[in-house]
Amino acid sequence: MALGNRFVLVAEKPVLPSAPRYSYRLHGTARISSAQHDMEKDQADGYTFIEEAEGPVHMLVLEKLVTAEKQ
C-alpha cells in the first residue's frame, strides 16, 4: 500500500503454541531486474517467495522456515 512517498506492507501469520519459526527477507528496488536478482539469491539460500507489491518501488517478501538447530 502506498501512502504518499511511503510504502507500507503488513504481513501476519497466526501464532500457535508449537508454530514453526520463519525468517524473512524484504527487498525494495525501483528496477525489476534488481528485484529478480535479489530473489534468485534468496531462493538459492532456501527462501521462498511469498508476496510482491508495486508502488514507488517494487517490493518482494520471502520467507524461510527456521529449523530447531538454527533458533
Protein backbone atom coordinates (compact mmCIF):
# COMPACT_ATOMS: atom_id res chain seq x y z
CA MET A 1 0.00 0.00 0.00
CA ALA A 2 1.48 3.34 -0.95
CA LEU A 3 0.94 6.31 1.36
CA GLY A 4 2.35 9.37 -0.35
CA ASN A 5 6.06 8.75 -0.65
CA ARG A 6 5.96 5.96 1.95
CA PHE A 7 5.36 2.28 1.43
CA VAL A 8 3.56 0.12 3.99
CA LEU A 9 3.46 -3.67 4.00
CA VAL A 10 1.63 -5.68 6.66
CA ALA A 11 2.17 -9.43 6.90
CA GLU A 12 0.73 -11.61 9.63
CA LYS A 13 0.54 -15.30 10.43
CA PRO A 14 -1.45 -16.81 13.31
CA VAL A 15 0.64 -17.69 16.35
CA LEU A 16 0.23 -21.22 17.63
CA PRO A 17 1.91 -22.76 20.71
CA SER A 18 4.07 -25.08 18.60
CA ALA A 19 4.16 -22.92 15.50
CA PRO A 20 7.28 -23.09 13.36
CA ARG A 21 9.51 -20.01 13.21
CA TYR A 22 10.30 -18.18 10.00
CA SER A 23 12.99 -15.81 8.84
CA TYR A 24 12.01 -13.10 6.36
CA ARG A 25 13.79 -11.05 3.73
CA LEU A 26 12.29 -7.89 2.28
CA HIS A 27 13.64 -6.15 -0.81
CA GLY A 28 12.60 -2.84 -2.29
CA THR A 29 14.00 -1.54 -5.57
CA ALA A 30 12.97 0.66 -8.46
CA ARG A 31 14.38 -1.81 -11.01
CA ILE A 32 12.57 -5.10 -11.63
CA SER A 33 15.83 -6.70 -12.80
CA SER A 34 17.40 -5.90 -9.41
CA ALA A 35 14.41 -7.43 -7.63
CA GLN A 36 14.72 -10.59 -9.74
CA HIS A 37 18.43 -10.83 -8.95
CA ASP A 38 17.77 -10.42 -5.19
CA MET A 39 15.02 -13.04 -5.30
CA GLU A 40 17.23 -15.56 -7.12
CA LYS A 41 19.98 -15.11 -4.49
CA ASP A 42 17.48 -15.58 -1.64
CA GLN A 43 15.92 -18.65 -3.24
CA ALA A 44 19.41 -20.16 -3.51
CA ASP A 45 19.66 -19.58 0.27
CA GLY A 46 16.44 -21.54 0.84
CA TYR A 47 13.93 -18.68 0.97
CA THR A 48 10.52 -18.97 -0.69
CA PHE A 49 8.83 -16.07 -2.46
CA ILE A 50 5.53 -15.22 -0.72
CA GLU A 51 4.44 -11.73 -1.79
CA GLU A 52 5.16 -8.80 -4.04
CA ALA A 53 3.78 -5.30 -4.23
CA GLU A 54 4.31 -2.38 -6.53
CA GLY A 55 4.24 1.28 -5.66
CA PRO A 56 7.04 3.81 -5.65
CA VAL A 57 9.31 0.74 -5.50
CA HIS A 58 9.00 -2.95 -6.40
CA MET A 59 8.76 -4.88 -3.10
CA LEU A 60 9.46 -8.58 -2.58
CA VAL A 61 8.89 -10.64 0.58
CA LEU A 62 10.49 -14.05 1.02
CA GLU A 63 10.37 -16.45 3.97
CA LYS A 64 12.36 -19.42 5.20
CA LEU A 65 11.50 -21.98 7.86
CA VAL A 66 13.98 -21.73 10.74
CA THR A 67 14.98 -25.18 11.95
CA ALA A 68 15.41 -26.00 15.63
CA GLU A 69 19.21 -26.06 15.43
CA LYS A 70 19.24 -22.50 13.96
CA GLN A 71 16.94 -20.94 16.62
